[in-house]
Amino acid sequence: MRRPIVIMLVAGGLWAGEAQAQLKYLDENGQTHYVQDESRVPEKYRSKAKPINQPTSLEGNGSATRVGESKAEREYQARRVAASQQRARQACLRKIDPSLIEGAAAGRKMGMPDSENVLAQLLDKERRACN
């Protein structure tokens, strides 16, 4: 019983240490090291040390970005978010009952206006919920 507790405490301590780190660097073995300041980075790795946990700033459009983040990085992240949202919307639309879609289409074929076509109204409601 003691061993799992010790392992959890050690893992928690390592995680907390990384959360407070300000820089990271890779050594010649490819191992990543996290340190609090540049003085703790060995001289030969200082040029390749990268800052982490950078503060964010609010842009004019209200979106938070990391300080020093390039326009290309922001655009790349925006494309990833948009693609993820599109996939989620498509998954939501696929969940709409096909018989509802067919029923709404049948009512439209018969010339029934959407204001009287209950199935078309339900279909529109389902589609709006996916936006």
N, C-alpha and C. Protein backbone atom coordinates (compact mmCIF):
# COMPACT_ATOMS: atom_id res chain seq x y z
N MET A 1 0.82 -1.19 0.00
CA MET A 1 0.00 0.00 0.00
C MET A 1 0.87 1.26 0.00
N ARG A 2 2.01 1.19 0.66
CA ARG A 2 2.89 2.35 0.74
C ARG A 2 3.52 2.70 -0.61
N ARG A 3 3.86 1.68 -1.37
CA ARG A 3 4.55 1.91 -2.64
C ARG A 3 3.73 2.78 -3.60
N PRO A 4 2.42 2.53 -3.82
CA PRO A 4 1.65 3.39 -4.72
C PRO A 4 1.61 4.85 -4.24
N ILE A 5 1.54 5.05 -2.94
CA ILE A 5 1.50 6.41 -2.40
C ILE A 5 2.83 7.12 -2.68
N VAL A 6 3.94 6.43 -2.48
CA VAL A 6 5.26 7.02 -2.73
C VAL A 6 5.40 7.36 -4.21
N ILE A 7 4.96 6.45 -5.07
CA ILE A 7 5.06 6.69 -6.51
C ILE A 7 4.22 7.91 -6.89
N MET A 8 3.01 8.03 -6.34
CA MET A 8 2.16 9.17 -6.65
C MET A 8 2.79 10.47 -6.17
N LEU A 9 3.40 10.45 -5.00
CA LEU A 9 4.03 11.66 -4.48
C LEU A 9 5.22 12.08 -5.33
N VAL A 10 6.03 11.12 -5.73
CA VAL A 10 7.19 11.42 -6.59
C VAL A 10 6.72 11.96 -7.93
N ALA A 11 5.73 11.29 -8.55
CA ALA A 11 5.21 11.75 -9.84
C ALA A 11 4.61 13.14 -9.71
N GLY A 12 3.89 13.40 -8.64
CA GLY A 12 3.32 14.73 -8.41
C GLY A 12 4.39 15.78 -8.24
N GLY A 13 5.47 15.42 -7.57
CA GLY A 13 6.59 16.36 -7.39
C GLY A 13 7.27 16.68 -8.70
N LEU A 14 7.45 15.68 -9.55
CA LEU A 14 8.05 15.92 -10.87
C LEU A 14 7.16 16.79 -11.71
N TRP A 15 5.86 16.53 -11.67
CA TRP A 15 4.92 17.33 -12.45
C TRP A 15 4.91 18.77 -11.96
N ALA A 16 4.93 18.98 -10.65
CA ALA A 16 4.94 20.33 -10.10
C ALA A 16 6.23 21.05 -10.46
N GLY A 17 7.35 20.32 -10.50
CA GLY A 17 8.62 20.94 -10.88
C GLY A 17 8.59 21.43 -12.32
N GLU A 18 7.97 20.65 -13.21
CA GLU A 18 7.88 21.08 -14.60
C GLU A 18 6.95 22.27 -14.74
N ALA A 19 5.92 22.34 -13.90
CA ALA A 19 4.98 23.45 -14.00
C ALA A 19 5.64 24.77 -13.63
N GLN A 20 6.66 24.74 -12.77
CA GLN A 20 7.33 25.96 -12.35
C GLN A 20 8.50 26.31 -13.25
N ALA A 21 8.89 25.43 -14.14
CA ALA A 21 10.05 25.66 -14.99
C ALA A 21 9.79 26.80 -15.97
N GLN A 22 10.86 27.51 -16.32
CA GLN A 22 10.76 28.61 -17.26
C GLN A 22 11.44 28.31 -18.59
N LEU A 23 12.39 27.36 -18.60
CA LEU A 23 13.13 27.00 -19.80
C LEU A 23 13.19 25.49 -19.93
N LYS A 24 13.35 25.04 -21.18
CA LYS A 24 13.60 23.62 -21.41
C LYS A 24 14.69 23.51 -22.45
N TYR A 25 15.46 22.41 -22.37
CA TYR A 25 16.51 22.16 -23.35
C TYR A 25 16.70 20.66 -23.49
N LEU A 26 17.28 20.27 -24.63
CA LEU A 26 17.58 18.87 -24.90
C LEU A 26 19.08 18.65 -24.75
N ASP A 27 19.46 17.56 -24.09
CA ASP A 27 20.88 17.25 -23.99
C ASP A 27 21.29 16.37 -25.17
N GLU A 28 22.56 15.96 -25.21
CA GLU A 28 23.04 15.18 -26.36
C GLU A 28 22.38 13.81 -26.46
N ASN A 29 21.75 13.34 -25.38
CA ASN A 29 21.05 12.06 -25.40
C ASN A 29 19.59 12.20 -25.83
N GLY A 30 19.18 13.44 -26.12
CA GLY A 30 17.81 13.68 -26.53
C GLY A 30 16.84 13.79 -25.38
N GLN A 31 17.33 13.88 -24.16
CA GLN A 31 16.47 13.98 -22.99
C GLN A 31 16.13 15.44 -22.74
N THR A 32 14.86 15.73 -22.47
CA THR A 32 14.42 17.09 -22.19
C THR A 32 14.61 17.40 -20.72
N HIS A 33 15.18 18.58 -20.44
CA HIS A 33 15.38 19.04 -19.07
C HIS A 33 14.62 20.35 -18.89
N TYR A 34 14.02 20.54 -17.71
CA TYR A 34 13.30 21.76 -17.38
C TYR A 34 14.03 22.48 -16.25
N VAL A 35 14.25 23.77 -16.41
CA VAL A 35 14.96 24.54 -15.39
C VAL A 35 14.22 25.86 -15.16
N GLN A 36 14.53 26.50 -14.01
CA GLN A 36 13.84 27.73 -13.67
C GLN A 36 14.49 28.97 -14.28
N ASP A 37 15.79 28.94 -14.53
CA ASP A 37 16.43 30.11 -15.13
C ASP A 37 17.61 29.68 -15.99
N GLU A 38 18.10 30.61 -16.80
CA GLU A 38 19.15 30.31 -17.78
C GLU A 38 20.46 29.89 -17.12
N SER A 39 20.71 30.35 -15.90
CA SER A 39 21.96 30.01 -15.24
C SER A 39 22.06 28.50 -14.94
N ARG A 40 20.93 27.81 -14.93
CA ARG A 40 20.92 26.37 -14.66
C ARG A 40 21.05 25.53 -15.92
N VAL A 41 21.06 26.19 -17.09
CA VAL A 41 21.24 25.49 -18.35
C VAL A 41 22.74 25.40 -18.62
N PRO A 42 23.29 24.21 -18.87
CA PRO A 42 24.71 24.10 -19.19
C PRO A 42 25.05 25.00 -20.40
N GLU A 43 26.23 25.57 -20.36
CA GLU A 43 26.65 26.55 -21.38
C GLU A 43 26.44 26.05 -22.81
N LYS A 44 26.78 24.79 -23.06
CA LYS A 44 26.69 24.30 -24.43
C LYS A 44 25.25 24.14 -24.94
N TYR A 45 24.27 24.20 -24.03
CA TYR A 45 22.86 24.06 -24.44
C TYR A 45 22.10 25.39 -24.39
N ARG A 46 22.70 26.44 -23.89
CA ARG A 46 21.98 27.71 -23.71
C ARG A 46 21.42 28.28 -25.00
N SER A 47 22.14 28.14 -26.09
CA SER A 47 21.65 28.71 -27.35
C SER A 47 20.40 28.00 -27.85
N LYS A 48 20.20 26.75 -27.40
CA LYS A 48 19.04 25.98 -27.85
C LYS A 48 17.95 25.86 -26.79
N ALA A 49 18.15 26.50 -25.64
CA ALA A 49 17.12 26.46 -24.59
C ALA A 49 15.93 27.28 -25.04
N LYS A 50 14.74 26.75 -24.78
CA LYS A 50 13.51 27.41 -25.22
C LYS A 50 12.67 27.80 -24.00
N PRO A 51 12.08 28.99 -24.03
CA PRO A 51 11.21 29.40 -22.92
C PRO A 51 9.90 28.60 -22.95
N ILE A 52 9.37 28.34 -21.77
CA ILE A 52 8.07 27.68 -21.64
C ILE A 52 7.24 28.48 -20.66
N ASN A 53 5.97 28.13 -20.57
CA ASN A 53 5.04 28.82 -19.66
C ASN A 53 5.08 30.32 -19.89
N GLN A 54 5.08 30.73 -21.16
CA GLN A 54 5.11 32.15 -21.46
C GLN A 54 3.77 32.77 -21.10
N PRO A 55 3.80 34.02 -20.64
CA PRO A 55 2.53 34.69 -20.35
C PRO A 55 1.77 34.95 -21.64
N THR A 56 0.48 35.06 -21.53
CA THR A 56 -0.33 35.35 -22.70
C THR A 56 -0.75 36.81 -22.68
N SER A 57 -1.08 37.33 -23.85
CA SER A 57 -1.58 38.68 -23.96
C SER A 57 -2.85 38.64 -24.78
N LEU A 58 -3.71 39.61 -24.58
CA LEU A 58 -4.95 39.67 -25.35
C LEU A 58 -4.73 40.51 -26.58
N GLU A 59 -5.15 39.99 -27.70
CA GLU A 59 -5.03 40.73 -28.96
C GLU A 59 -6.24 41.66 -29.07
N GLY A 60 -6.21 42.50 -30.07
CA GLY A 60 -7.31 43.42 -30.31
C GLY A 60 -8.63 42.72 -30.52
N ASN A 61 -8.60 41.51 -31.05
CA ASN A 61 -9.84 40.77 -31.30
C ASN A 61 -10.29 39.97 -30.07
N GLY A 62 -9.58 40.10 -28.96
CA GLY A 62 -9.97 39.44 -27.72
C GLY A 62 -9.42 38.03 -27.56
N SER A 63 -8.64 37.54 -28.52
CA SER A 63 -8.10 36.20 -28.39
C SER A 63 -6.77 36.23 -27.66
N ALA A 64 -6.54 35.25 -26.82
CA ALA A 64 -5.29 35.18 -26.06
C ALA A 64 -4.22 34.52 -26.91
N THR A 65 -3.03 35.12 -26.94
CA THR A 65 -1.92 34.54 -27.68
C THR A 65 -0.70 34.55 -26.78
N ARG A 66 0.24 33.67 -27.07
CA ARG A 66 1.48 33.66 -26.32
C ARG A 66 2.36 34.80 -26.80
N VAL A 67 3.06 35.41 -25.85
CA VAL A 67 3.97 36.49 -26.18
C VAL A 67 5.04 35.93 -27.12
N GLY A 68 5.31 36.63 -28.21
CA GLY A 68 6.32 36.19 -29.15
C GLY A 68 5.82 35.20 -30.18
N GLU A 69 4.55 34.84 -30.15
CA GLU A 69 4.01 33.90 -31.10
C GLU A 69 3.85 34.59 -32.46
N SER A 70 4.31 33.97 -33.51
CA SER A 70 4.27 34.59 -34.82
C SER A 70 2.87 34.55 -35.42
N LYS A 71 2.66 35.39 -36.42
CA LYS A 71 1.37 35.43 -37.11
C LYS A 71 1.08 34.08 -37.75
N ALA A 72 2.10 33.45 -38.32
CA ALA A 72 1.92 32.14 -38.95
C ALA A 72 1.47 31.10 -37.93
N GLU A 73 2.03 31.14 -36.71
CA GLU A 73 1.63 30.19 -35.67
C GLU A 73 0.18 30.42 -35.27
N ARG A 74 -0.21 31.70 -35.13
CA ARG A 74 -1.61 32.00 -34.77
C ARG A 74 -2.56 31.54 -35.87
N GLU A 75 -2.18 31.76 -37.13
CA GLU A 75 -3.03 31.34 -38.24
C GLU A 75 -3.14 29.82 -38.29
N TYR A 76 -2.03 29.13 -38.04
CA TYR A 76 -2.03 27.67 -38.02
C TYR A 76 -2.98 27.17 -36.92
N GLN A 77 -2.88 27.75 -35.73
CA GLN A 77 -3.76 27.34 -34.63
C GLN A 77 -5.22 27.64 -34.96
N ALA A 78 -5.47 28.78 -35.59
CA ALA A 78 -6.85 29.13 -35.96
C ALA A 78 -7.41 28.13 -36.97
N ARG A 79 -6.58 27.69 -37.93
CA ARG A 79 -7.03 26.69 -38.90
C ARG A 79 -7.32 25.36 -38.21
N ARG A 80 -6.49 24.99 -37.25
CA ARG A 80 -6.72 23.73 -36.51
C ARG A 80 -8.03 23.79 -35.73
N VAL A 81 -8.29 24.92 -35.07
CA VAL A 81 -9.52 25.08 -34.30
C VAL A 81 -10.72 25.03 -35.23
N ALA A 82 -10.64 25.74 -36.37
CA ALA A 82 -11.74 25.76 -37.33
C ALA A 82 -12.02 24.35 -37.87
N ALA A 83 -10.97 23.61 -38.18
CA ALA A 83 -11.14 22.25 -38.68
C ALA A 83 -11.78 21.36 -37.62
N SER A 84 -11.37 21.52 -36.38
CA SER A 84 -11.94 20.73 -35.29
C SER A 84 -13.42 21.06 -35.11
N GLN A 85 -13.77 22.34 -35.19
CA GLN A 85 -15.16 22.74 -35.06
C GLN A 85 -15.99 22.19 -36.22
N GLN A 86 -15.43 22.21 -37.42
CA GLN A 86 -16.12 21.68 -38.60
C GLN A 86 -16.38 20.18 -38.44
N ARG A 87 -15.37 19.45 -37.95
CA ARG A 87 -15.56 18.00 -37.74
C ARG A 87 -16.65 17.74 -36.70
N ALA A 88 -16.68 18.54 -35.64
CA ALA A 88 -17.70 18.37 -34.61
C ALA A 88 -19.09 18.66 -35.17
N ARG A 89 -19.20 19.71 -36.01
CA ARG A 89 -20.50 20.04 -36.62
C ARG A 89 -20.94 18.90 -37.54
N GLN A 90 -20.03 18.36 -38.35
CA GLN A 90 -20.38 17.27 -39.25
C GLN A 90 -20.83 16.03 -38.47
N ALA A 91 -20.16 15.75 -37.37
CA ALA A 91 -20.55 14.61 -36.54
C ALA A 91 -21.95 14.83 -35.96
N CYS A 92 -22.24 16.06 -35.56
CA CYS A 92 -23.56 16.38 -35.03
C CYS A 92 -24.63 16.21 -36.11
N LEU A 93 -24.34 16.70 -37.32
CA LEU A 93 -25.31 16.58 -38.42
C LEU A 93 -25.55 15.12 -38.80
N ARG A 94 -24.53 14.28 -38.69
CA ARG A 94 -24.70 12.86 -39.01
C ARG A 94 -25.63 12.16 -38.02
N LYS A 95 -25.80 12.73 -36.84
CA LYS A 95 -26.65 12.11 -35.82
C LYS A 95 -28.14 12.40 -36.06
N ILE A 96 -28.45 13.33 -36.98
CA ILE A 96 -29.85 13.64 -37.26
C ILE A 96 -30.49 12.43 -37.92
N ASP A 97 -31.67 12.09 -37.45
CA ASP A 97 -32.40 10.91 -37.93
C ASP A 97 -32.68 11.05 -39.44
N PRO A 98 -32.23 10.10 -40.24
CA PRO A 98 -32.47 10.17 -41.69
C PRO A 98 -33.94 10.24 -42.07
N SER A 99 -34.80 9.61 -41.28
CA SER A 99 -36.23 9.65 -41.60
C SER A 99 -36.78 11.07 -41.45
N LEU A 100 -36.19 11.86 -40.58
CA LEU A 100 -36.60 13.25 -40.43
C LEU A 100 -36.25 14.04 -41.69
N ILE A 101 -35.06 13.79 -42.22
CA ILE A 101 -34.61 14.46 -43.44
C ILE A 101 -35.52 14.06 -44.61
N GLU A 102 -35.81 12.76 -44.72
CA GLU A 102 -36.66 12.26 -45.81
C GLU A 102 -38.08 12.81 -45.69
N GLY A 103 -38.60 12.86 -44.49
CA GLY A 103 -39.96 13.37 -44.28
C GLY A 103 -40.07 14.84 -44.63
N ALA A 104 -39.08 15.62 -44.24
CA ALA A 104 -39.08 17.05 -44.57
C ALA A 104 -39.01 17.25 -46.07
N ALA A 105 -38.17 16.44 -46.75
CA ALA A 105 -38.04 16.54 -48.20
C ALA A 105 -39.35 16.14 -48.89
N ALA A 106 -40.01 15.12 -48.37
CA ALA A 106 -41.28 14.68 -48.96
C ALA A 106 -42.34 15.77 -48.84
N GLY A 107 -42.38 16.43 -47.71
CA GLY A 107 -43.34 17.52 -47.53
C GLY A 107 -43.06 18.67 -48.49
N ARG A 108 -41.80 18.96 -48.71
CA ARG A 108 -41.44 20.03 -49.65
C ARG A 108 -41.82 19.63 -51.08
N LYS A 109 -41.64 18.35 -51.43
CA LYS A 109 -42.00 17.89 -52.77
C LYS A 109 -43.50 18.03 -53.02
N MET A 110 -44.27 17.83 -51.97
CA MET A 110 -45.72 17.95 -52.11
C MET A 110 -46.16 19.42 -52.15
N GLY A 111 -45.21 20.34 -52.03
CA GLY A 111 -45.55 21.75 -52.10
C GLY A 111 -45.93 22.36 -50.77
N MET A 112 -45.74 21.62 -49.69
CA MET A 112 -46.11 22.12 -48.37
C MET A 112 -45.06 23.17 -47.93
N PRO A 113 -45.49 24.36 -47.53
CA PRO A 113 -44.52 25.34 -47.06
C PRO A 113 -43.91 24.91 -45.72
N ASP A 114 -42.66 25.29 -45.49
CA ASP A 114 -41.98 24.88 -44.26
C ASP A 114 -42.72 25.34 -43.01
N SER A 115 -43.48 26.42 -43.11
CA SER A 115 -44.22 26.90 -41.93
C SER A 115 -45.28 25.90 -41.49
N GLU A 116 -45.76 25.04 -42.42
CA GLU A 116 -46.77 24.03 -42.08
C GLU A 116 -46.16 22.63 -41.97
N ASN A 117 -44.93 22.47 -42.43
CA ASN A 117 -44.27 21.17 -42.46
C ASN A 117 -43.55 20.95 -41.12
N VAL A 118 -44.16 20.20 -40.25
CA VAL A 118 -43.62 19.97 -38.91
C VAL A 118 -42.25 19.30 -38.99
N LEU A 119 -42.08 18.36 -39.90
CA LEU A 119 -40.80 17.67 -40.03
C LEU A 119 -39.70 18.63 -40.48
N ALA A 120 -40.02 19.55 -41.39
CA ALA A 120 -39.03 20.53 -41.83
C ALA A 120 -38.64 21.45 -40.67
N GLN A 121 -39.61 21.80 -39.85
CA GLN A 121 -39.31 22.65 -38.69
C GLN A 121 -38.41 21.92 -37.70
N LEU A 122 -38.69 20.64 -37.47
CA LEU A 122 -37.84 19.85 -36.57
C LEU A 122 -36.43 19.70 -37.14
N LEU A 123 -36.34 19.48 -38.46
CA LEU A 123 -35.05 19.34 -39.10
C LEU A 123 -34.24 20.64 -38.96
N ASP A 124 -34.87 21.77 -39.20
CA ASP A 124 -34.18 23.06 -39.05
C ASP A 124 -33.71 23.27 -37.62
N LYS A 125 -34.54 22.86 -36.67
CA LYS A 125 -34.16 22.99 -35.25
C LYS A 125 -32.93 22.13 -34.95
N GLU A 126 -32.89 20.90 -35.47
CA GLU A 126 -31.75 20.00 -35.26
C GLU A 126 -30.50 20.58 -35.89
N ARG A 127 -30.63 21.13 -37.10
CA ARG A 127 -29.47 21.71 -37.79
C ARG A 127 -28.94 22.93 -37.04
N ARG A 128 -29.81 23.77 -36.53
CA ARG A 128 -29.38 24.94 -35.77
C ARG A 128 -28.66 24.53 -34.49
N ALA A 129 -29.07 23.42 -33.91
CA ALA A 129 -28.42 22.94 -32.67
C ALA A 129 -26.98 22.50 -32.95
N CYS A 130 -26.67 22.17 -34.20
CA CYS A 130 -25.31 21.73 -34.55
C CYS A 130 -24.38 22.90 -34.83
N ASN A 131 -24.89 24.11 -34.88
CA ASN A 131 -24.03 25.27 -35.17
C ASN A 131 -23.35 25.80 -33.94
